[in-house]
Amino acid sequence: MKKIEILVVCCHEEISATMIRLINKEEEMLGTAVASPEDAMASFSSKAYDLVLIGAGLAPEAEQQLEAELKKQQPGIPVVYHFGGGSGLLYTEIKQALRKS
């Protein structure tokens, strides 16, 4: 079974680790964490992702610029902004975004 590949972009190490732990806890999901837009673009260019999850720490302008760059490379990629709210909300946001794509 192919796993849903999720790129997590989050500047806060502890928050990023929590998001990756929750994602990887789900059998059908596999998360990869990066801490900067530059690292996100490098990883996105070298690996196929099904969804990008943007977490805390980036300035709003950096978030918008990153999303625009991601969409240039892969227009249909879902980009989800997640800034907390628990695991239930995280899973719901991921599943809704994947259904829409």
C-alpha atoms as a PDB file:
ATOM      1  CA  MET A   1       0.000   0.000   0.000  1.00  0.00           C
ATOM      2  CA  LYS A   2       1.371   3.389  -1.013  1.00  0.00           C
ATOM      3  CA  LYS A   3       1.566   5.824   1.864  1.00  0.00           C
ATOM      4  CA  ILE A   4       0.351   9.409   1.660  1.00  0.00           C
ATOM      5  CA  GLU A   5       3.549  11.462   1.574  1.00  0.00           C
ATOM      6  CA  ILE A   6       3.291  14.688   3.563  1.00  0.00           C
ATOM      7  CA  LEU A   7       5.891  17.458   3.642  1.00  0.00           C
ATOM      8  CA  VAL A   8       5.740  19.351   6.946  1.00  0.00           C
ATOM      9  CA  VAL A   9       7.237  22.854   6.970  1.00  0.00           C
ATOM     10  CA  CYS A  10       7.567  24.154  10.522  1.00  0.00           C
ATOM     11  CA  CYS A  11      10.239  26.330  12.141  1.00  0.00           C
ATOM     12  CA  HIS A  12       9.551  25.175  15.701  1.00  0.00           C
ATOM     13  CA  GLU A  13      11.363  21.916  16.347  1.00  0.00           C
ATOM     14  CA  GLU A  14       9.046  20.633  19.084  1.00  0.00           C
ATOM     15  CA  ILE A  15       5.866  21.427  17.143  1.00  0.00           C
ATOM     16  CA  SER A  16       7.332  19.869  14.019  1.00  0.00           C
ATOM     17  CA  ALA A  17       8.278  16.719  15.931  1.00  0.00           C
ATOM     18  CA  THR A  18       4.749  16.450  17.315  1.00  0.00           C
ATOM     19  CA  MET A  19       3.173  16.840  13.870  1.00  0.00           C
ATOM     20  CA  ILE A  20       5.513  14.215  12.381  1.00  0.00           C
ATOM     21  CA  ARG A  21       4.790  11.823  15.264  1.00  0.00           C
ATOM     22  CA  LEU A  22       1.032  12.209  14.750  1.00  0.00           C
ATOM     23  CA  ILE A  23       1.277  11.816  10.974  1.00  0.00           C
ATOM     24  CA  ASN A  24       3.529   8.769  11.163  1.00  0.00           C
ATOM     25  CA  LYS A  25       1.231   7.209  13.765  1.00  0.00           C
ATOM     26  CA  GLU A  26      -1.310   6.749  10.976  1.00  0.00           C
ATOM     27  CA  GLU A  27      -0.513   3.620   8.972  1.00  0.00           C
ATOM     28  CA  GLU A  28      -1.376   5.219   5.624  1.00  0.00           C
ATOM     29  CA  MET A  29       0.682   8.415   6.150  1.00  0.00           C
ATOM     30  CA  LEU A  30       4.382   9.264   6.105  1.00  0.00           C
ATOM     31  CA  GLY A  31       5.670  12.694   7.103  1.00  0.00           C
ATOM     32  CA  THR A  32       8.914  14.454   6.274  1.00  0.00           C
ATOM     33  CA  ALA A  33       9.847  17.573   8.259  1.00  0.00           C
ATOM     34  CA  VAL A  34      11.810  20.610   7.117  1.00  0.00           C
ATOM     35  CA  ALA A  35      12.409  23.869   8.978  1.00  0.00           C
ATOM     36  CA  SER A  36      12.619  26.485   6.228  1.00  0.00           C
ATOM     37  CA  PRO A  37      11.075  27.419   2.884  1.00  0.00           C
ATOM     38  CA  GLU A  38      14.425  26.751   1.213  1.00  0.00           C
ATOM     39  CA  ASP A  39      14.592  23.228   2.643  1.00  0.00           C
ATOM     40  CA  ALA A  40      10.948  22.713   1.671  1.00  0.00           C
ATOM     41  CA  MET A  41      11.643  23.603  -1.964  1.00  0.00           C
ATOM     42  CA  ALA A  42      14.720  21.377  -2.065  1.00  0.00           C
ATOM     43  CA  SER A  43      12.800  18.417  -0.651  1.00  0.00           C
ATOM     44  CA  PHE A  44       9.763  19.116  -2.847  1.00  0.00           C
ATOM     45  CA  SER A  45      11.991  19.135  -5.931  1.00  0.00           C
ATOM     46  CA  SER A  46      13.555  15.778  -5.112  1.00  0.00           C
ATOM     47  CA  LYS A  47      10.574  13.768  -3.859  1.00  0.00           C
ATOM     48  CA  ALA A  48       6.899  13.386  -4.781  1.00  0.00           C
ATOM     49  CA  TYR A  49       4.540  14.577  -2.044  1.00  0.00           C
ATOM     50  CA  ASP A  50       0.778  14.259  -1.866  1.00  0.00           C
ATOM     51  CA  LEU A  51       0.278  17.213   0.486  1.00  0.00           C
ATOM     52  CA  VAL A  52       2.229  20.059   2.099  1.00  0.00           C
ATOM     53  CA  LEU A  53       1.477  20.999   5.685  1.00  0.00           C
ATOM     54  CA  ILE A  54       2.668  24.429   6.832  1.00  0.00           C
ATOM     55  CA  GLY A  55       2.993  24.864  10.571  1.00  0.00           C
ATOM     56  CA  ALA A  56       4.080  27.603  12.933  1.00  0.00           C
ATOM     57  CA  GLY A  57       7.041  29.889  12.585  1.00  0.00           C
ATOM     58  CA  LEU A  58       7.016  31.335   9.096  1.00  0.00           C
ATOM     59  CA  ALA A  59       6.086  34.954   8.445  1.00  0.00           C
ATOM     60  CA  PRO A  60       2.825  35.317   6.488  1.00  0.00           C
ATOM     61  CA  GLU A  61       4.721  36.616   3.455  1.00  0.00           C
ATOM     62  CA  ALA A  62       7.045  33.591   3.540  1.00  0.00           C
ATOM     63  CA  GLU A  63       4.036  31.253   3.773  1.00  0.00           C
ATOM     64  CA  GLN A  64       2.389  32.859   0.745  1.00  0.00           C
ATOM     65  CA  GLN A  65       5.604  32.859  -1.261  1.00  0.00           C
ATOM     66  CA  LEU A  66       6.270  29.201  -0.415  1.00  0.00           C
ATOM     67  CA  GLU A  67       2.758  28.177  -1.429  1.00  0.00           C
ATOM     68  CA  ALA A  68       3.098  30.076  -4.723  1.00  0.00           C
ATOM     69  CA  GLU A  69       6.416  28.347  -5.486  1.00  0.00           C
ATOM     70  CA  LEU A  70       5.008  24.920  -4.615  1.00  0.00           C
ATOM     71  CA  LYS A  71       1.976  25.522  -6.854  1.00  0.00           C
ATOM     72  CA  LYS A  72       4.262  26.559  -9.747  1.00  0.00           C
ATOM     73  CA  GLN A  73       5.942  23.148  -9.603  1.00  0.00           C
ATOM     74  CA  GLN A  74       2.827  21.110  -8.871  1.00  0.00           C
ATOM     75  CA  PRO A  75      -0.401  23.116  -9.356  1.00  0.00           C
ATOM     76  CA  GLY A  76      -2.695  20.488  -7.840  1.00  0.00           C
ATOM     77  CA  ILE A  77      -0.781  19.977  -4.597  1.00  0.00           C
ATOM     78  CA  PRO A  78      -2.924  20.635  -1.515  1.00  0.00           C
ATOM     79  CA  VAL A  79      -1.308  23.077   0.924  1.00  0.00           C
ATOM     80  CA  VAL A  80      -2.729  23.028   4.445  1.00  0.00           C
ATOM     81  CA  TYR A  81      -1.976  25.580   7.141  1.00  0.00           C
ATOM     82  CA  HIS A  82      -2.082  23.965  10.570  1.00  0.00           C
ATOM     83  CA  PHE A  83      -1.348  25.952  13.708  1.00  0.00           C
ATOM     84  CA  GLY A  84      -2.654  23.673  16.424  1.00  0.00           C
ATOM     85  CA  GLY A  85      -5.950  22.337  17.625  1.00  0.00           C
ATOM     86  CA  GLY A  86      -5.079  18.735  18.331  1.00  0.00           C
ATOM     87  CA  SER A  87      -4.655  15.518  16.411  1.00  0.00           C
ATOM     88  CA  GLY A  88      -8.311  15.241  15.422  1.00  0.00           C
ATOM     89  CA  LEU A  89      -8.193  18.598  13.664  1.00  0.00           C
ATOM     90  CA  LEU A  90      -4.881  17.745  12.007  1.00  0.00           C
ATOM     91  CA  TYR A  91      -6.223  14.492  10.558  1.00  0.00           C
ATOM     92  CA  THR A  92      -9.457  16.170   9.456  1.00  0.00           C
ATOM     93  CA  GLU A  93      -7.569  18.963   7.683  1.00  0.00           C
ATOM     94  CA  ILE A  94      -5.339  16.461   5.879  1.00  0.00           C
ATOM     95  CA  LYS A  95      -8.196  14.225   4.787  1.00  0.00           C
ATOM     96  CA  GLN A  96     -10.359  17.135   3.610  1.00  0.00           C
ATOM     97  CA  ALA A  97      -7.504  18.601   1.577  1.00  0.00           C
ATOM     98  CA  LEU A  98      -6.768  15.246  -0.058  1.00  0.00           C
ATOM     99  CA  ARG A  99     -10.443  14.749  -0.963  1.00  0.00           C
ATOM    100  CA  LYS A 100     -10.547  18.176  -2.641  1.00  0.00           C
ATOM    101  CA  SER A 101      -7.433  17.555  -4.742  1.00  0.00           C
END
